[in-house]
Amino acid sequence: MLLSLGILIFVIVFYCIITEKIASAYATMLGALAMAFLGIVNEEEILETIHSRLEILLLLIGMMIIVSLISETGVFQWFAIKVVKIVRGDPLKLLILLSIVTAACSAFLDNVTTI
């Protein structure tokens, strides 16, 4: 019973994230709180999971802060315009160029950071 309820909460959270009906941070937190309140996971499991993955969480938080600050400057829009001008709107060339840029970034950065 708890397993099916946990899967249902998981699916609802992903639905909210994909459709953007609720901000992903809020959907995730509400899903985690629902699982905690319903007894699907207990406090010890939650704290142990956070503790064991703290480096990943801090990396993601830091990258989200950096991306948020950079996006306010318009760098991403500028980069997108430059890429489209380079490929002259050709979808195949756009796919190839983005693949090359992603591969180059993946060589030096963590994959989550690259995405």
PDB file of N, CA and C in Angstrom:
ATOM      1  N   MET A   1       0.831  -1.198   0.000  1.00  0.00           N
ATOM      2  CA  MET A   1       0.000   0.000   0.000  1.00  0.00           C
ATOM      3  C   MET A   1       0.876   1.263   0.000  1.00  0.00           C
ATOM      4  N   LEU A   2       1.876   1.293   0.888  1.00  0.00           N
ATOM      5  CA  LEU A   2       2.736   2.481   0.955  1.00  0.00           C
ATOM      6  C   LEU A   2       3.559   2.643  -0.314  1.00  0.00           C
ATOM      7  N   LEU A   3       3.951   1.505  -0.913  1.00  0.00           N
ATOM      8  CA  LEU A   3       4.733   1.582  -2.142  1.00  0.00           C
ATOM      9  C   LEU A   3       3.921   2.206  -3.261  1.00  0.00           C
ATOM     10  N   SER A   4       2.678   1.793  -3.415  1.00  0.00           N
ATOM     11  CA  SER A   4       1.838   2.358  -4.479  1.00  0.00           C
ATOM     12  C   SER A   4       1.524   3.821  -4.204  1.00  0.00           C
ATOM     13  N   LEU A   5       1.388   4.193  -2.938  1.00  0.00           N
ATOM     14  CA  LEU A   5       1.157   5.592  -2.584  1.00  0.00           C
ATOM     15  C   LEU A   5       2.401   6.433  -2.883  1.00  0.00           C
ATOM     16  N   GLY A   6       3.563   5.868  -2.603  1.00  0.00           N
ATOM     17  CA  GLY A   6       4.813   6.558  -2.917  1.00  0.00           C
ATOM     18  C   GLY A   6       4.992   6.762  -4.411  1.00  0.00           C
ATOM     19  N   ILE A   7       4.647   5.748  -5.191  1.00  0.00           N
ATOM     20  CA  ILE A   7       4.736   5.865  -6.646  1.00  0.00           C
ATOM     21  C   ILE A   7       3.756   6.905  -7.155  1.00  0.00           C
ATOM     22  N   LEU A   8       2.570   6.946  -6.585  1.00  0.00           N
ATOM     23  CA  LEU A   8       1.573   7.949  -6.978  1.00  0.00           C
ATOM     24  C   LEU A   8       2.083   9.363  -6.689  1.00  0.00           C
ATOM     25  N   ILE A   9       2.660   9.582  -5.520  1.00  0.00           N
ATOM     26  CA  ILE A   9       3.221  10.889  -5.182  1.00  0.00           C
ATOM     27  C   ILE A   9       4.340  11.245  -6.160  1.00  0.00           C
ATOM     28  N   PHE A  10       5.196  10.284  -6.469  1.00  0.00           N
ATOM     29  CA  PHE A  10       6.289  10.490  -7.413  1.00  0.00           C
ATOM     30  C   PHE A  10       5.757  10.926  -8.776  1.00  0.00           C
ATOM     31  N   VAL A  11       4.732  10.236  -9.273  1.00  0.00           N
ATOM     32  CA  VAL A  11       4.149  10.560 -10.580  1.00  0.00           C
ATOM     33  C   VAL A  11       3.504  11.942 -10.559  1.00  0.00           C
ATOM     34  N   ILE A  12       2.807  12.276  -9.482  1.00  0.00           N
ATOM     35  CA  ILE A  12       2.173  13.589  -9.372  1.00  0.00           C
ATOM     36  C   ILE A  12       3.218  14.696  -9.367  1.00  0.00           C
ATOM     37  N   VAL A  13       4.303  14.486  -8.619  1.00  0.00           N
ATOM     38  CA  VAL A  13       5.373  15.494  -8.570  1.00  0.00           C
ATOM     39  C   VAL A  13       5.979  15.687  -9.958  1.00  0.00           C
ATOM     40  N   PHE A  14       6.257  14.599 -10.664  1.00  0.00           N
ATOM     41  CA  PHE A  14       6.821  14.726 -12.009  1.00  0.00           C
ATOM     42  C   PHE A  14       5.839  15.381 -12.965  1.00  0.00           C
ATOM     43  N   TYR A  15       4.556  15.095 -12.822  1.00  0.00           N
ATOM     44  CA  TYR A  15       3.544  15.748 -13.653  1.00  0.00           C
ATOM     45  C   TYR A  15       3.567  17.255 -13.427  1.00  0.00           C
ATOM     46  N   CYS A  16       3.639  17.655 -12.171  1.00  0.00           N
ATOM     47  CA  CYS A  16       3.681  19.087 -11.844  1.00  0.00           C
ATOM     48  C   CYS A  16       4.952  19.751 -12.388  1.00  0.00           C
ATOM     49  N   ILE A  17       6.070  19.034 -12.332  1.00  0.00           N
ATOM     50  CA  ILE A  17       7.328  19.584 -12.846  1.00  0.00           C
ATOM     51  C   ILE A  17       7.273  19.707 -14.370  1.00  0.00           C
ATOM     52  N   ILE A  18       6.795  18.673 -15.042  1.00  0.00           N
ATOM     53  CA  ILE A  18       6.767  18.670 -16.510  1.00  0.00           C
ATOM     54  C   ILE A  18       5.799  19.713 -17.045  1.00  0.00           C
ATOM     55  N   THR A  19       4.628  19.810 -16.459  1.00  0.00           N
ATOM     56  CA  THR A  19       3.627  20.759 -16.946  1.00  0.00           C
ATOM     57  C   THR A  19       3.854  22.168 -16.412  1.00  0.00           C
ATOM     58  N   GLU A  20       4.742  22.302 -15.451  1.00  0.00           N
ATOM     59  CA  GLU A  20       5.060  23.588 -14.824  1.00  0.00           C
ATOM     60  C   GLU A  20       3.838  24.248 -14.197  1.00  0.00           C
ATOM     61  N   LYS A  21       2.905  23.419 -13.715  1.00  0.00           N
ATOM     62  CA  LYS A  21       1.742  23.947 -13.003  1.00  0.00           C
ATOM     63  C   LYS A  21       2.150  24.511 -11.650  1.00  0.00           C
ATOM     64  N   ILE A  22       3.155  23.886 -11.062  1.00  0.00           N
ATOM     65  CA  ILE A  22       3.734  24.348  -9.798  1.00  0.00           C
ATOM     66  C   ILE A  22       5.239  24.438 -10.033  1.00  0.00           C
ATOM     67  N   ALA A  23       5.891  25.425  -9.441  1.00  0.00           N
ATOM     68  CA  ALA A  23       7.344  25.529  -9.566  1.00  0.00           C
ATOM     69  C   ALA A  23       7.981  24.227  -9.101  1.00  0.00           C
ATOM     70  N   SER A  24       9.014  23.789  -9.815  1.00  0.00           N
ATOM     71  CA  SER A  24       9.604  22.475  -9.533  1.00  0.00           C
ATOM     72  C   SER A  24      10.110  22.367  -8.098  1.00  0.00           C
ATOM     73  N   ALA A  25      10.658  23.445  -7.555  1.00  0.00           N
ATOM     74  CA  ALA A  25      11.138  23.396  -6.172  1.00  0.00           C
ATOM     75  C   ALA A  25       9.979  23.152  -5.208  1.00  0.00           C
ATOM     76  N   TYR A  26       8.854  23.821  -5.435  1.00  0.00           N
ATOM     77  CA  TYR A  26       7.696  23.629  -4.558  1.00  0.00           C
ATOM     78  C   TYR A  26       7.106  22.235  -4.718  1.00  0.00           C
ATOM     79  N   ALA A  27       7.012  21.754  -5.958  1.00  0.00           N
ATOM     80  CA  ALA A  27       6.460  20.419  -6.187  1.00  0.00           C
ATOM     81  C   ALA A  27       7.316  19.361  -5.506  1.00  0.00           C
ATOM     82  N   THR A  28       8.626  19.506  -5.618  1.00  0.00           N
ATOM     83  CA  THR A  28       9.533  18.545  -5.002  1.00  0.00           C
ATOM     84  C   THR A  28       9.407  18.568  -3.483  1.00  0.00           C
ATOM     85  N   MET A  29       9.386  19.748  -2.914  1.00  0.00           N
ATOM     86  CA  MET A  29       9.276  19.863  -1.459  1.00  0.00           C
ATOM     87  C   MET A  29       7.936  19.322  -0.960  1.00  0.00           C
ATOM     88  N   LEU A  30       6.856  19.626  -1.670  1.00  0.00           N
ATOM     89  CA  LEU A  30       5.549  19.111  -1.259  1.00  0.00           C
ATOM     90  C   LEU A  30       5.502  17.586  -1.359  1.00  0.00           C
ATOM     91  N   GLY A  31       6.110  17.032  -2.407  1.00  0.00           N
ATOM     92  CA  GLY A  31       6.163  15.580  -2.538  1.00  0.00           C
ATOM     93  C   GLY A  31       6.959  14.942  -1.412  1.00  0.00           C
ATOM     94  N   ALA A  32       8.097  15.554  -1.068  1.00  0.00           N
ATOM     95  CA  ALA A  32       8.917  15.024   0.028  1.00  0.00           C
ATOM     96  C   ALA A  32       8.175  15.118   1.361  1.00  0.00           C
ATOM     97  N   LEU A  33       7.503  16.229   1.587  1.00  0.00           N
ATOM     98  CA  LEU A  33       6.737  16.382   2.827  1.00  0.00           C
ATOM     99  C   LEU A  33       5.591  15.373   2.893  1.00  0.00           C
ATOM    100  N   ALA A  34       4.923  15.153   1.771  1.00  0.00           N
ATOM    101  CA  ALA A  34       3.832  14.172   1.751  1.00  0.00           C
ATOM    102  C   ALA A  34       4.357  12.783   2.090  1.00  0.00           C
ATOM    103  N   MET A  35       5.505  12.417   1.518  1.00  0.00           N
ATOM    104  CA  MET A  35       6.074  11.097   1.816  1.00  0.00           C
ATOM    105  C   MET A  35       6.498  10.988   3.277  1.00  0.00           C
ATOM    106  N   ALA A  36       6.995  12.062   3.839  1.00  0.00           N
ATOM    107  CA  ALA A  36       7.400  12.045   5.245  1.00  0.00           C
ATOM    108  C   ALA A  36       6.179  11.954   6.158  1.00  0.00           C
ATOM    109  N   PHE A  37       5.155  12.755   5.877  1.00  0.00           N
ATOM    110  CA  PHE A  37       3.968  12.762   6.732  1.00  0.00           C
ATOM    111  C   PHE A  37       3.179  11.456   6.653  1.00  0.00           C
ATOM    112  N   LEU A  38       3.204  10.814   5.478  1.00  0.00           N
ATOM    113  CA  LEU A  38       2.484   9.556   5.319  1.00  0.00           C
ATOM    114  C   LEU A  38       3.276   8.363   5.824  1.00  0.00           C
ATOM    115  N   GLY A  39       4.517   8.576   6.236  1.00  0.00           N
ATOM    116  CA  GLY A  39       5.328   7.505   6.799  1.00  0.00           C
ATOM    117  C   GLY A  39       5.999   6.621   5.760  1.00  0.00           C
ATOM    118  N   ILE A  40       6.054   7.083   4.512  1.00  0.00           N
ATOM    119  CA  ILE A  40       6.719   6.302   3.466  1.00  0.00           C
ATOM    120  C   ILE A  40       8.221   6.303   3.709  1.00  0.00           C
ATOM    121  N   VAL A  41       8.745   7.436   4.137  1.00  0.00           N
ATOM    122  CA  VAL A  41      10.140   7.546   4.564  1.00  0.00           C
ATOM    123  C   VAL A  41      10.141   8.183   5.946  1.00  0.00           C
ATOM    124  N   ASN A  42      11.146   7.842   6.747  1.00  0.00           N
ATOM    125  CA  ASN A  42      11.214   8.454   8.071  1.00  0.00           C
ATOM    126  C   ASN A  42      12.337   9.489   8.111  1.00  0.00           C
ATOM    127  N   GLU A  43      12.424  10.188   9.203  1.00  0.00           N
ATOM    128  CA  GLU A  43      13.386  11.282   9.331  1.00  0.00           C
ATOM    129  C   GLU A  43      14.836  10.792   9.216  1.00  0.00           C
ATOM    130  N   GLU A  44      15.115   9.631   9.770  1.00  0.00           N
ATOM    131  CA  GLU A  44      16.478   9.095   9.708  1.00  0.00           C
ATOM    132  C   GLU A  44      16.904   8.822   8.273  1.00  0.00           C
ATOM    133  N   GLU A  45      16.005   8.237   7.484  1.00  0.00           N
ATOM    134  CA  GLU A  45      16.322   7.968   6.076  1.00  0.00           C
ATOM    135  C   GLU A  45      16.546   9.265   5.304  1.00  0.00           C
ATOM    136  N   ILE A  46      15.728  10.254   5.578  1.00  0.00           N
ATOM    137  CA  ILE A  46      15.856  11.539   4.886  1.00  0.00           C
ATOM    138  C   ILE A  46      17.193  12.188   5.217  1.00  0.00           C
ATOM    139  N   LEU A  47      17.517  12.265   6.506  1.00  0.00           N
ATOM    140  CA  LEU A  47      18.767  12.903   6.905  1.00  0.00           C
ATOM    141  C   LEU A  47      19.982  12.123   6.424  1.00  0.00           C
ATOM    142  N   GLU A  48      19.906  10.793   6.432  1.00  0.00           N
ATOM    143  CA  GLU A  48      21.017   9.977   5.945  1.00  0.00           C
ATOM    144  C   GLU A  48      21.232  10.187   4.446  1.00  0.00           C
ATOM    145  N   THR A  49      20.140  10.274   3.699  1.00  0.00           N
ATOM    146  CA  THR A  49      20.240  10.500   2.257  1.00  0.00           C
ATOM    147  C   THR A  49      20.840  11.867   1.960  1.00  0.00           C
ATOM    148  N   ILE A  50      20.392  12.892   2.674  1.00  0.00           N
ATOM    149  CA  ILE A  50      20.937  14.238   2.483  1.00  0.00           C
ATOM    150  C   ILE A  50      22.416  14.252   2.837  1.00  0.00           C
ATOM    151  N   HIS A  51      22.765  13.628   3.947  1.00  0.00           N
ATOM    152  CA  HIS A  51      24.165  13.618   4.393  1.00  0.00           C
ATOM    153  C   HIS A  51      25.069  12.912   3.387  1.00  0.00           C
ATOM    154  N   SER A  52      24.603  11.797   2.839  1.00  0.00           N
ATOM    155  CA  SER A  52      25.445  11.027   1.918  1.00  0.00           C
ATOM    156  C   SER A  52      25.596  11.696   0.555  1.00  0.00           C
ATOM    157  N   ARG A  53      24.705  12.620   0.230  1.00  0.00           N
ATOM    158  CA  ARG A  53      24.750  13.292  -1.070  1.00  0.00           C
ATOM    159  C   ARG A  53      24.911  14.807  -0.934  1.00  0.00           C
ATOM    160  N   LEU A  54      25.495  15.233   0.152  1.00  0.00           N
ATOM    161  CA  LEU A  54      25.611  16.664   0.422  1.00  0.00           C
ATOM    162  C   LEU A  54      26.457  17.379  -0.621  1.00  0.00           C
ATOM    163  N   GLU A  55      27.533  16.750  -1.099  1.00  0.00           N
ATOM    164  CA  GLU A  55      28.391  17.398  -2.093  1.00  0.00           C
ATOM    165  C   GLU A  55      27.611  17.675  -3.368  1.00  0.00           C
ATOM    166  N   ILE A  56      26.790  16.723  -3.791  1.00  0.00           N
ATOM    167  CA  ILE A  56      25.991  16.888  -5.007  1.00  0.00           C
ATOM    168  C   ILE A  56      24.979  18.008  -4.821  1.00  0.00           C
ATOM    169  N   LEU A  57      24.316  18.016  -3.669  1.00  0.00           N
ATOM    170  CA  LEU A  57      23.325  19.058  -3.406  1.00  0.00           C
ATOM    171  C   LEU A  57      23.958  20.443  -3.393  1.00  0.00           C
ATOM    172  N   LEU A  58      25.105  20.567  -2.751  1.00  0.00           N
ATOM    173  CA  LEU A  58      25.774  21.870  -2.709  1.00  0.00           C
ATOM    174  C   LEU A  58      26.251  22.298  -4.092  1.00  0.00           C
ATOM    175  N   LEU A  59      26.729  21.352  -4.900  1.00  0.00           N
ATOM    176  CA  LEU A  59      27.126  21.664  -6.270  1.00  0.00           C
ATOM    177  C   LEU A  59      25.935  22.184  -7.067  1.00  0.00           C
ATOM    178  N   LEU A  60      24.808  21.487  -6.976  1.00  0.00           N
ATOM    179  CA  LEU A  60      23.626  21.908  -7.718  1.00  0.00           C
ATOM    180  C   LEU A  60      23.112  23.259  -7.248  1.00  0.00           C
ATOM    181  N   ILE A  61      23.097  23.483  -5.951  1.00  0.00           N
ATOM    182  CA  ILE A  61      22.654  24.778  -5.429  1.00  0.00           C
ATOM    183  C   ILE A  61      23.561  25.891  -5.933  1.00  0.00           C
ATOM    184  N   GLY A  62      24.866  25.663  -5.874  1.00  0.00           N
ATOM    185  CA  GLY A  62      25.811  26.662  -6.360  1.00  0.00           C
ATOM    186  C   GLY A  62      25.648  26.939  -7.840  1.00  0.00           C
ATOM    187  N   MET A  63      25.468  25.889  -8.637  1.00  0.00           N
ATOM    188  CA  MET A  63      25.295  26.075 -10.074  1.00  0.00           C
ATOM    189  C   MET A  63      23.988  26.793 -10.385  1.00  0.00           C
ATOM    190  N   MET A  64      22.938  26.493  -9.633  1.00  0.00           N
ATOM    191  CA  MET A  64      21.666  27.179  -9.854  1.00  0.00           C
ATOM    192  C   MET A  64      21.783  28.663  -9.543  1.00  0.00           C
ATOM    193  N   ILE A  65      22.520  29.006  -8.505  1.00  0.00           N
ATOM    194  CA  ILE A  65      22.732  30.412  -8.166  1.00  0.00           C
ATOM    195  C   ILE A  65      23.517  31.106  -9.274  1.00  0.00           C
ATOM    196  N   ILE A  66      24.579  30.470  -9.744  1.00  0.00           N
ATOM    197  CA  ILE A  66      25.399  31.058 -10.811  1.00  0.00           C
ATOM    198  C   ILE A  66      24.589  31.231 -12.084  1.00  0.00           C
ATOM    199  N   VAL A  67      23.844  30.209 -12.476  1.00  0.00           N
ATOM    200  CA  VAL A  67      23.034  30.288 -13.696  1.00  0.00           C
ATOM    201  C   VAL A  67      21.970  31.375 -13.559  1.00  0.00           C
ATOM    202  N   SER A  68      21.367  31.489 -12.403  1.00  0.00           N
ATOM    203  CA  SER A  68      20.360  32.524 -12.184  1.00  0.00           C
ATOM    204  C   SER A  68      20.957  33.917 -12.346  1.00  0.00           C
ATOM    205  N   LEU A  69      22.140  34.121 -11.789  1.00  0.00           N
ATOM    206  CA  LEU A  69      22.789  35.426 -11.910  1.00  0.00           C
ATOM    207  C   LEU A  69      23.221  35.709 -13.347  1.00  0.00           C
ATOM    208  N   ILE A  70      23.752  34.704 -14.019  1.00  0.00           N
ATOM    209  CA  ILE A  70      24.195  34.897 -15.400  1.00  0.00           C
ATOM    210  C   ILE A  70      23.008  35.137 -16.324  1.00  0.00           C
ATOM    211  N   SER A  71      21.892  34.444 -16.090  1.00  0.00           N
ATOM    212  CA  SER A  71      20.736  34.610 -16.972  1.00  0.00           C
ATOM    213  C   SER A  71      20.169  36.016 -16.909  1.00  0.00           C
ATOM    214  N   GLU A  72      20.319  36.684 -15.777  1.00  0.00           N
ATOM    215  CA  GLU A  72      19.846  38.066 -15.657  1.00  0.00           C
ATOM    216  C   GLU A  72      20.636  39.019 -16.549  1.00  0.00           C
ATOM    217  N   THR A  73      21.853  38.660 -16.905  1.00  0.00           N
ATOM    218  CA  THR A  73      22.673  39.525 -17.755  1.00  0.00           C
ATOM    219  C   THR A  73      22.334  39.375 -19.233  1.00  0.00           C
ATOM    220  N   GLY A  74      21.623  38.299 -19.611  1.00  0.00           N
ATOM    221  CA  GLY A  74      21.262  38.086 -21.007  1.00  0.00           C
ATOM    222  C   GLY A  74      22.296  37.305 -21.790  1.00  0.00           C
ATOM    223  N   VAL A  75      23.259  36.706 -21.115  1.00  0.00           N
ATOM    224  CA  VAL A  75      24.310  35.953 -21.799  1.00  0.00           C
ATOM    225  C   VAL A  75      23.729  34.776 -22.579  1.00  0.00           C
ATOM    226  N   PHE A  76      22.760  34.071 -22.018  1.00  0.00           N
ATOM    227  CA  PHE A  76      22.203  32.907 -22.689  1.00  0.00           C
ATOM    228  C   PHE A  76      21.445  33.297 -23.956  1.00  0.00           C
ATOM    229  N   GLN A  77      20.711  34.418 -23.920  1.00  0.00           N
ATOM    230  CA  GLN A  77      20.026  34.894 -25.114  1.00  0.00           C
ATOM    231  C   GLN A  77      21.040  35.307 -26.178  1.00  0.00           C
ATOM    232  N   TRP A  78      22.099  35.982 -25.754  1.00  0.00           N
ATOM    233  CA  TRP A  78      23.150  36.394 -26.688  1.00  0.00           C
ATOM    234  C   TRP A  78      23.777  35.171 -27.350  1.00  0.00           C
ATOM    235  N   PHE A  79      24.086  34.151 -26.538  1.00  0.00           N
ATOM    236  CA  PHE A  79      24.685  32.931 -27.054  1.00  0.00           C
ATOM    237  C   PHE A  79      23.751  32.241 -28.042  1.00  0.00           C
ATOM    238  N   ALA A  80      22.455  32.185 -27.725  1.00  0.00           N
ATOM    239  CA  ALA A  80      21.480  31.546 -28.616  1.00  0.00           C
ATOM    240  C   ALA A  80      21.395  32.285 -29.945  1.00  0.00           C
ATOM    241  N   ILE A  81      21.405  33.603 -29.909  1.00  0.00           N
ATOM    242  CA  ILE A  81      21.349  34.392 -31.148  1.00  0.00           C
ATOM    243  C   ILE A  81      22.599  34.154 -31.989  1.00  0.00           C
ATOM    244  N   LYS A  82      23.766  34.121 -31.346  1.00  0.00           N
ATOM    245  CA  LYS A  82      25.015  33.867 -32.075  1.00  0.00           C
ATOM    246  C   LYS A  82      25.002  32.488 -32.738  1.00  0.00           C
ATOM    247  N   VAL A  83      24.537  31.479 -32.010  1.00  0.00           N
ATOM    248  CA  VAL A  83      24.495  30.121 -32.553  1.00  0.00           C
ATOM    249  C   VAL A  83      23.559  30.055 -33.756  1.00  0.00           C
ATOM    250  N   VAL A  84      22.391  30.676 -33.652  1.00  0.00           N
ATOM    251  CA  VAL A  84      21.433  30.660 -34.765  1.00  0.00           C
ATOM    252  C   VAL A  84      22.000  31.406 -35.964  1.00  0.00           C
ATOM    253  N   LYS A  85      22.723  32.501 -35.730  1.00  0.00           N
ATOM    254  CA  LYS A  85      23.345  33.229 -36.840  1.00  0.00           C
ATOM    255  C   LYS A  85      24.430  32.388 -37.507  1.00  0.00           C
ATOM    256  N   ILE A  86      25.193  31.656 -36.709  1.00  0.00           N
ATOM    257  CA  ILE A  86      26.260  30.823 -37.263  1.00  0.00           C
ATOM    258  C   ILE A  86      25.690  29.730 -38.159  1.00  0.00           C
ATOM    259  N   VAL A  87      24.627  29.068 -37.710  1.00  0.00           N
ATOM    260  CA  VAL A  87      24.057  27.954 -38.480  1.00  0.00           C
ATOM    261  C   VAL A  87      23.014  28.423 -39.493  1.00  0.00           C
ATOM    262  N   ARG A  88      22.684  29.703 -39.478  1.00  0.00           N
ATOM    263  CA  ARG A  88      21.715  30.310 -40.404  1.00  0.00           C
ATOM    264  C   ARG A  88      20.359  29.587 -40.371  1.00  0.00           C
ATOM    265  N   GLY A  89      19.955  29.155 -39.179  1.00  0.00           N
ATOM    266  CA  GLY A  89      18.639  28.544 -39.013  1.00  0.00           C
ATOM    267  C   GLY A  89      18.517  27.105 -39.472  1.00  0.00           C
ATOM    268  N   ASP A  90      19.610  26.477 -39.898  1.00  0.00           N
ATOM    269  CA  ASP A  90      19.565  25.091 -40.351  1.00  0.00           C
ATOM    270  C   ASP A  90      19.485  24.163 -39.132  1.00  0.00           C
ATOM    271  N   PRO A  91      18.379  23.386 -38.995  1.00  0.00           N
ATOM    272  CA  PRO A  91      18.204  22.554 -37.800  1.00  0.00           C
ATOM    273  C   PRO A  91      19.288  21.491 -37.636  1.00  0.00           C
ATOM    274  N   LEU A  92      19.749  20.894 -38.724  1.00  0.00           N
ATOM    275  CA  LEU A  92      20.777  19.866 -38.631  1.00  0.00           C
ATOM    276  C   LEU A  92      22.089  20.463 -38.125  1.00  0.00           C
ATOM    277  N   LYS A  93      22.477  21.603 -38.670  1.00  0.00           N
ATOM    278  CA  LYS A  93      23.699  22.263 -38.215  1.00  0.00           C
ATOM    279  C   LYS A  93      23.570  22.700 -36.758  1.00  0.00           C
ATOM    280  N   LEU A  94      22.366  23.140 -36.374  1.00  0.00           N
ATOM    281  CA  LEU A  94      22.126  23.547 -34.984  1.00  0.00           C
ATOM    282  C   LEU A  94      22.313  22.357 -34.043  1.00  0.00           C
ATOM    283  N   LEU A  95      21.765  21.210 -34.420  1.00  0.00           N
ATOM    284  CA  LEU A  95      21.908  20.006 -33.612  1.00  0.00           C
ATOM    285  C   LEU A  95      23.374  19.608 -33.474  1.00  0.00           C
ATOM    286  N   ILE A  96      24.100  19.663 -34.574  1.00  0.00           N
ATOM    287  CA  ILE A  96      25.515  19.287 -34.555  1.00  0.00           C
ATOM    288  C   ILE A  96      26.320  20.255 -33.689  1.00  0.00           C
ATOM    289  N   LEU A  97      26.086  21.566 -33.848  1.00  0.00           N
ATOM    290  CA  LEU A  97      26.831  22.552 -33.063  1.00  0.00           C
ATOM    291  C   LEU A  97      26.528  22.432 -31.572  1.00  0.00           C
ATOM    292  N   LEU A  98      25.265  22.246 -31.227  1.00  0.00           N
ATOM    293  CA  LEU A  98      24.921  22.089 -29.816  1.00  0.00           C
ATOM    294  C   LEU A  98      25.515  20.802 -29.242  1.00  0.00           C
ATOM    295  N   SER A  99      25.582  19.753 -30.046  1.00  0.00           N
ATOM    296  CA  SER A  99      26.205  18.503 -29.589  1.00  0.00           C
ATOM    297  C   SER A  99      27.682  18.700 -29.321  1.00  0.00           C
ATOM    298  N   ILE A 100      28.351  19.449 -30.195  1.00  0.00           N
ATOM    299  CA  ILE A 100      29.781  19.717 -30.010  1.00  0.00           C
ATOM    300  C   ILE A 100      30.015  20.553 -28.761  1.00  0.00           C
ATOM    301  N   VAL A 101      29.204  21.590 -28.564  1.00  0.00           N
ATOM    302  CA  VAL A 101      29.354  22.445 -27.381  1.00  0.00           C
ATOM    303  C   VAL A 101      29.091  21.638 -26.108  1.00  0.00           C
ATOM    304  N   THR A 102      28.064  20.806 -26.131  1.00  0.00           N
ATOM    305  CA  THR A 102      27.758  19.979 -24.962  1.00  0.00           C
ATOM    306  C   THR A 102      28.885  18.989 -24.674  1.00  0.00           C
ATOM    307  N   ALA A 103      29.439  18.390 -25.719  1.00  0.00           N
ATOM    308  CA  ALA A 103      30.550  17.455 -25.531  1.00  0.00           C
ATOM    309  C   ALA A 103      31.774  18.166 -24.956  1.00  0.00           C
ATOM    310  N   ALA A 104      32.050  19.358 -25.445  1.00  0.00           N
ATOM    311  CA  ALA A 104      33.193  20.116 -24.938  1.00  0.00           C
ATOM    312  C   ALA A 104      32.995  20.493 -23.468  1.00  0.00           C
ATOM    313  N   CYS A 105      31.792  20.914 -23.125  1.00  0.00           N
ATOM    314  CA  CYS A 105      31.519  21.258 -21.721  1.00  0.00           C
ATOM    315  C   CYS A 105      31.591  20.022 -20.829  1.00  0.00           C
ATOM    316  N   SER A 106      31.103  18.891 -21.327  1.00  0.00           N
ATOM    317  CA  SER A 106      31.130  17.652 -20.539  1.00  0.00           C
ATOM    318  C   SER A 106      32.541  17.172 -20.277  1.00  0.00           C
ATOM    319  N   ALA A 107      33.460  17.537 -21.143  1.00  0.00           N
ATOM    320  CA  ALA A 107      34.846  17.108 -20.948  1.00  0.00           C
ATOM    321  C   ALA A 107      35.465  17.775 -19.728  1.00  0.00           C
ATOM    322  N   PHE A 108      34.970  18.961 -19.382  1.00  0.00           N
ATOM    323  CA  PHE A 108      35.579  19.720 -18.286  1.00  0.00           C
ATOM    324  C   PHE A 108      34.669  19.884 -17.067  1.00  0.00           C
ATOM    325  N   LEU A 109      33.382  19.718 -17.243  1.00  0.00           N
ATOM    326  CA  LEU A 109      32.431  19.942 -16.155  1.00  0.00           C
ATOM    327  C   LEU A 109      31.684  18.657 -15.835  1.00  0.00           C
ATOM    328  N   ASP A 110      31.065  18.648 -14.681  1.00  0.00           N
ATOM    329  CA  ASP A 110      30.183  17.551 -14.295  1.00  0.00           C
ATOM    330  C   ASP A 110      28.988  17.528 -15.244  1.00  0.00           C
ATOM    331  N   ASN A 111      28.453  16.354 -15.550  1.00  0.00           N
ATOM    332  CA  ASN A 111      27.351  16.254 -16.503  1.00  0.00           C
ATOM    333  C   ASN A 111      26.112  17.019 -16.055  1.00  0.00           C
ATOM    334  N   VAL A 112      25.800  16.990 -14.788  1.00  0.00           N
ATOM    335  CA  VAL A 112      24.642  17.735 -14.294  1.00  0.00           C
ATOM    336  C   VAL A 112      24.859  19.232 -14.513  1.00  0.00           C
ATOM    337  N   THR A 113      26.069  19.704 -14.295  1.00  0.00           N
ATOM    338  CA  THR A 113      26.374  21.114 -14.506  1.00  0.00           C
ATOM    339  C   THR A 113      26.254  21.470 -15.974  1.00  0.00           C
ATOM    340  N   THR A 114      26.723  20.601 -16.860  1.00  0.00           N
ATOM    341  CA  THR A 114      26.648  20.851 -18.299  1.00  0.00           C
ATOM    342  C   THR A 114      25.209  20.977 -18.766  1.00  0.00           C
ATOM    343  N   ILE A 115      24.358  20.094 -18.286  1.00  0.00           N
ATOM    344  CA  ILE A 115      22.955  20.125 -18.713  1.00  0.00           C
ATOM    345  C   ILE A 115      22.298  21.391 -18.216  1.00  0.00           C
TER     346      ILE A 115
END
